[in-house]
N, C-alpha and C. Protein backbone atom coordinates (compact mmCIF):
# COMPACT_ATOMS: atom_id res chain seq x y z
N MET A 1 11.64 -12.24 4.57
CA MET A 1 13.50 -11.89 5.11
C MET A 1 13.44 -9.72 4.35
N ILE A 2 13.80 -9.47 5.69
CA ILE A 2 13.85 -8.39 5.63
C ILE A 2 14.98 -7.19 5.17
N LYS A 3 14.97 -6.47 4.92
CA LYS A 3 16.68 -5.64 4.41
C LYS A 3 17.18 -5.37 5.30
N SER A 4 17.51 -5.95 6.80
CA SER A 4 18.31 -6.09 7.58
C SER A 4 18.91 -7.88 7.51
N GLU A 5 18.29 -8.57 7.95
CA GLU A 5 18.44 -10.04 7.35
C GLU A 5 18.93 -10.23 6.29
N LEU A 6 19.01 -9.68 5.13
CA LEU A 6 19.61 -9.91 3.53
C LEU A 6 21.12 -8.87 3.94
N VAL A 7 21.65 -7.53 4.64
CA VAL A 7 22.48 -7.19 4.99
C VAL A 7 22.85 -8.49 5.68
N GLY A 8 22.96 -8.78 7.03
CA GLY A 8 23.13 -10.44 7.65
C GLY A 8 23.93 -10.99 6.55
N ARG A 9 23.44 -11.25 5.77
CA ARG A 9 23.83 -12.58 5.42
C ARG A 9 24.77 -12.47 4.51
N VAL A 10 24.74 -11.69 3.41
CA VAL A 10 25.57 -11.41 3.13
C VAL A 10 27.20 -10.85 3.88
N ALA A 11 26.67 -10.49 4.64
CA ALA A 11 27.98 -9.46 5.82
C ALA A 11 28.52 -10.97 5.89
N ALA A 12 27.82 -11.86 6.48
CA ALA A 12 27.88 -13.52 7.01
C ALA A 12 29.14 -13.76 5.69
N ALA A 13 28.26 -13.45 4.51
CA ALA A 13 28.79 -14.65 3.11
C ALA A 13 30.42 -13.89 3.09
N ASN A 14 30.41 -12.56 3.73
CA ASN A 14 31.70 -11.74 2.63
C ASN A 14 32.19 -11.10 3.90
N PRO A 15 33.05 -13.00 4.94
CA PRO A 15 33.31 -12.08 6.22
C PRO A 15 35.01 -10.82 6.10
N HIS A 16 34.98 -11.13 4.74
CA HIS A 16 36.17 -9.64 5.19
C HIS A 16 35.63 -8.29 4.70
N LEU A 17 34.41 -8.27 4.33
CA LEU A 17 33.71 -6.53 4.40
C LEU A 17 32.74 -6.38 5.79
N TYR A 18 32.65 -5.49 5.86
CA TYR A 18 32.43 -4.69 7.42
C TYR A 18 30.60 -4.55 6.84
N GLN A 19 29.38 -4.51 7.56
CA GLN A 19 28.98 -4.93 7.75
C GLN A 19 27.78 -3.10 7.46
N ARG A 20 29.09 -2.53 7.42
CA ARG A 20 27.77 -1.15 7.32
C ARG A 20 28.33 -0.50 5.61
N ASP A 21 29.49 -1.71 5.54
CA ASP A 21 29.72 -1.30 4.29
C ASP A 21 28.63 -1.69 3.32
N VAL A 22 28.39 -3.53 3.99
CA VAL A 22 27.42 -3.75 2.58
C VAL A 22 26.22 -3.22 2.69
N GLU A 23 25.84 -3.17 4.19
CA GLU A 23 24.25 -1.57 4.17
C GLU A 23 24.63 -0.88 3.17
N ASN A 24 25.70 -0.26 3.03
CA ASN A 24 25.38 0.75 1.94
C ASN A 24 25.49 0.09 0.42
N VAL A 25 26.24 -0.86 0.27
CA VAL A 25 26.10 -1.13 -1.34
C VAL A 25 24.30 -1.79 -1.61
N VAL A 26 23.30 -2.26 -0.50
CA VAL A 26 22.48 -2.50 -0.35
C VAL A 26 21.82 -1.47 -0.79
N ASN A 27 21.70 -0.75 0.27
CA ASN A 27 20.68 0.46 0.08
C ASN A 27 20.97 1.16 -1.50
N ALA A 28 21.98 1.26 -1.80
CA ALA A 28 22.83 1.79 -3.21
C ALA A 28 22.18 1.15 -4.41
N ILE A 29 21.87 -0.37 -3.97
CA ILE A 29 21.10 -0.44 -5.30
C ILE A 29 20.01 -0.71 -5.16
N LEU A 30 19.01 -1.24 -3.95
CA LEU A 30 17.70 -0.65 -3.82
C LEU A 30 17.56 0.80 -4.26
N ASP A 31 18.13 2.13 -3.76
CA ASP A 31 18.19 3.18 -4.47
C ASP A 31 18.15 3.29 -6.04
N THR A 32 19.12 3.16 -6.34
CA THR A 32 19.05 3.23 -8.13
C THR A 32 18.42 2.54 -8.41
N ILE A 33 17.31 1.03 -8.40
CA ILE A 33 16.15 0.32 -8.93
C ILE A 33 15.01 1.88 -8.53
N SER A 34 14.65 2.11 -7.53
CA SER A 34 14.07 3.36 -7.10
C SER A 34 13.78 3.54 -8.02
N ASP A 35 15.30 4.56 -8.33
CA ASP A 35 15.06 6.21 -9.18
C ASP A 35 15.06 5.87 -10.78
N ALA A 36 15.23 4.35 -10.66
CA ALA A 36 15.08 3.47 -12.68
C ALA A 36 13.96 3.76 -12.66
N LEU A 37 13.28 2.93 -11.64
CA LEU A 37 11.47 2.89 -11.69
C LEU A 37 10.43 4.62 -11.59
N GLN A 38 10.87 5.55 -11.17
CA GLN A 38 10.56 6.77 -11.01
C GLN A 38 10.52 7.26 -12.20
N ARG A 39 11.25 7.14 -12.81
CA ARG A 39 12.28 7.37 -14.34
C ARG A 39 11.10 7.12 -15.24
N GLY A 40 10.83 6.04 -14.80
CA GLY A 40 9.53 5.75 -15.77
C GLY A 40 10.67 3.72 -16.07
N ASP A 41 11.85 3.89 -16.07
CA ASP A 41 13.12 2.61 -16.83
C ASP A 41 12.10 1.59 -15.96
N ARG A 42 12.68 0.38 -17.09
CA ARG A 42 13.12 -1.08 -16.59
C ARG A 42 13.94 -1.06 -16.72
N VAL A 43 14.19 -2.27 -15.04
CA VAL A 43 14.88 -2.32 -14.44
C VAL A 43 15.64 -4.33 -14.74
N GLU A 44 15.24 -4.46 -15.51
CA GLU A 44 16.35 -6.76 -16.03
C GLU A 44 17.60 -6.74 -14.66
N LEU A 45 17.09 -7.10 -13.98
CA LEU A 45 18.41 -8.71 -13.57
C LEU A 45 18.20 -9.65 -14.10
N ARG A 46 19.18 -10.49 -15.06
CA ARG A 46 19.05 -11.39 -15.53
C ARG A 46 19.44 -12.51 -14.56
N GLY A 47 18.18 -13.40 -14.85
CA GLY A 47 18.11 -14.44 -13.97
C GLY A 47 17.63 -14.27 -12.37
N PHE A 48 17.07 -13.33 -12.07
CA PHE A 48 16.42 -12.81 -10.74
C PHE A 48 14.87 -12.20 -11.56
N GLY A 49 15.17 -11.75 -12.48
CA GLY A 49 13.66 -11.07 -12.86
C GLY A 49 13.59 -9.25 -13.09
N ALA A 50 12.69 -8.68 -13.75
CA ALA A 50 12.78 -7.66 -14.21
C ALA A 50 12.07 -7.03 -13.19
N PHE A 51 11.88 -5.52 -12.98
CA PHE A 51 10.80 -4.77 -12.23
C PHE A 51 10.58 -3.65 -13.29
N SER A 52 9.69 -3.06 -13.25
CA SER A 52 9.25 -1.99 -13.84
C SER A 52 7.87 -1.19 -14.07
N VAL A 53 7.31 -0.24 -14.11
CA VAL A 53 6.52 0.99 -13.76
C VAL A 53 4.58 0.82 -14.02
N LYS A 54 4.03 0.28 -13.80
CA LYS A 54 2.51 -0.46 -14.59
C LYS A 54 1.11 0.58 -14.32
N SER A 55 0.89 1.42 -15.53
CA SER A 55 -0.36 2.73 -14.89
C SER A 55 -1.71 1.97 -14.78
N ARG A 56 -1.78 2.20 -13.20
CA ARG A 56 -3.52 2.16 -13.68
C ARG A 56 -4.28 3.12 -14.01
N PRO A 57 -5.75 2.71 -14.21
CA PRO A 57 -6.57 4.20 -14.96
C PRO A 57 -7.02 4.16 -14.09
N ALA A 58 -7.60 5.81 -13.97
CA ALA A 58 -8.72 5.95 -12.74
C ALA A 58 -10.11 5.50 -12.31
N ARG A 59 -10.48 4.90 -11.51
CA ARG A 59 -11.58 4.60 -11.86
C ARG A 59 -12.62 4.97 -10.66
N THR A 60 -13.72 4.41 -10.29
CA THR A 60 -15.27 4.94 -8.99
C THR A 60 -14.85 3.34 -8.71
N GLY A 61 -14.78 3.73 -6.85
CA GLY A 61 -14.63 2.96 -5.94
C GLY A 61 -15.21 2.56 -5.18
N ARG A 62 -15.61 2.53 -3.60
CA ARG A 62 -16.65 2.27 -3.35
C ARG A 62 -15.89 2.38 -1.73
N ASN A 63 -16.43 3.38 -0.77
CA ASN A 63 -16.06 3.60 0.74
C ASN A 63 -16.66 2.30 1.48
N PRO A 64 -16.02 1.07 2.12
CA PRO A 64 -16.14 0.06 2.14
C PRO A 64 -17.04 -0.16 3.62
N ARG A 65 -16.74 1.08 4.01
CA ARG A 65 -17.32 1.55 5.33
C ARG A 65 -18.66 1.96 5.36
N THR A 66 -18.87 3.02 4.12
CA THR A 66 -20.59 4.05 4.33
C THR A 66 -21.44 3.45 3.03
N GLY A 67 -20.35 3.01 2.11
CA GLY A 67 -20.72 2.65 0.90
C GLY A 67 -21.20 3.68 -0.28
N ALA A 68 -20.02 4.98 -0.34
CA ALA A 68 -20.43 5.54 -0.88
C ALA A 68 -18.94 5.33 -1.79
N HIS A 69 -19.95 5.95 -3.25
CA HIS A 69 -18.82 6.31 -4.25
C HIS A 69 -17.75 7.33 -3.83
N VAL A 70 -16.52 6.98 -4.50
CA VAL A 70 -15.66 7.10 -4.36
C VAL A 70 -14.38 7.37 -5.86
N SER A 71 -13.93 8.28 -5.93
CA SER A 71 -13.49 8.64 -7.25
C SER A 71 -12.15 8.13 -6.59
N VAL A 72 -11.16 7.45 -7.42
CA VAL A 72 -9.76 6.52 -7.29
C VAL A 72 -8.99 7.74 -8.49
N SER A 73 -7.70 8.38 -7.99
CA SER A 73 -6.65 8.57 -9.19
C SER A 73 -6.76 8.19 -10.23
N GLU A 74 -5.38 8.25 -10.50
CA GLU A 74 -4.74 7.22 -11.49
C GLU A 74 -3.06 7.14 -10.98
N LYS A 75 -3.12 6.03 -11.00
CA LYS A 75 -1.47 6.07 -10.19
C LYS A 75 -0.78 5.29 -10.89
N ALA A 76 0.70 5.17 -11.06
CA ALA A 76 1.46 4.17 -10.95
C ALA A 76 1.90 3.05 -10.04
N VAL A 77 2.40 2.03 -10.27
CA VAL A 77 2.25 0.92 -9.17
C VAL A 77 3.20 0.18 -9.70
N PRO A 78 4.91 -0.48 -8.86
CA PRO A 78 5.62 -0.96 -9.42
C PRO A 78 4.98 -2.64 -9.43
N PHE A 79 5.56 -2.68 -10.22
CA PHE A 79 4.97 -4.33 -11.43
C PHE A 79 6.74 -5.63 -10.92
N PHE A 80 6.89 -6.35 -10.66
CA PHE A 80 7.86 -7.47 -10.82
C PHE A 80 7.81 -8.50 -11.57
N LYS A 81 8.28 -9.15 -12.36
CA LYS A 81 8.06 -10.04 -13.32
C LYS A 81 9.59 -11.17 -12.99
N SER A 82 9.33 -12.66 -12.56
CA SER A 82 10.08 -13.29 -11.93
C SER A 82 10.88 -13.68 -13.42
N GLY A 83 12.18 -14.10 -13.41
CA GLY A 83 12.79 -14.26 -14.36
C GLY A 83 12.34 -16.07 -14.61
N LYS A 84 12.98 -16.63 -15.90
CA LYS A 84 12.92 -18.33 -16.39
C LYS A 84 13.73 -18.79 -15.03
N GLU A 85 15.41 -17.73 -14.83
CA GLU A 85 16.47 -19.13 -14.03
C GLU A 85 15.08 -19.35 -12.36
N MET A 86 14.63 -17.69 -12.50
CA MET A 86 14.13 -18.06 -11.01
C MET A 86 12.67 -18.79 -10.80
N ARG A 87 12.25 -19.38 -11.80
CA ARG A 87 10.76 -19.83 -11.67
C ARG A 87 11.53 -21.32 -11.59
N ALA A 88 12.57 -21.39 -12.60
CA ALA A 88 13.06 -22.70 -12.46
C ALA A 88 13.49 -23.62 -11.13
N ARG A 89 13.78 -22.26 -10.24
CA ARG A 89 14.83 -22.69 -9.31
C ARG A 89 13.53 -22.66 -7.78
N LEU A 90 12.18 -22.05 -8.19
CA LEU A 90 11.68 -22.17 -7.40
C LEU A 90 10.43 -23.42 -7.22
N ASN A 91 10.43 -23.91 -9.07
CA ASN A 91 9.70 -24.39 -9.50
C ASN A 91 10.92 -26.57 -8.63
N ARG A 92 11.51 -26.13 -8.38
CA ARG A 92 13.09 -27.38 -8.52
C ARG A 92 12.94 -27.56 -7.75
N ALA A 93 12.55 -26.84 -5.82
CA ALA A 93 12.70 -26.63 -4.87
C ALA A 93 11.44 -26.99 -4.35
N GLY A 94 10.23 -27.37 -4.93
CA GLY A 94 9.03 -27.85 -4.63
C GLY A 94 9.13 -29.29 -4.67
N ILE A 95 9.60 -29.56 -5.53
CA ILE A 95 9.71 -31.00 -6.15
C ILE A 95 10.54 -31.66 -5.25
N ASP A 96 11.78 -31.70 -4.70
CA ASP A 96 12.52 -32.12 -3.73
C ASP A 96 12.04 -32.31 -2.40
């Protein structure tokens, strides 16, 4: 599902809201999560999961085309860990 599909589904489930308002809310939520991760904070949505930032250390990589060694600098990457309720829902769905 892409963001526009998410906005469409939320707008369809809430016909009293305009689609542009739903889009603004979805964008605000995603921007707030991104801003928190950029500051190094952890974002936890109970029942859904937690977003955090992990640091990958610098390393020596290899160019697959030439085989030459390339230094890869340290970087921060987003990480998501699903919540207990989300895992339960996913595993229950596979049983039905």
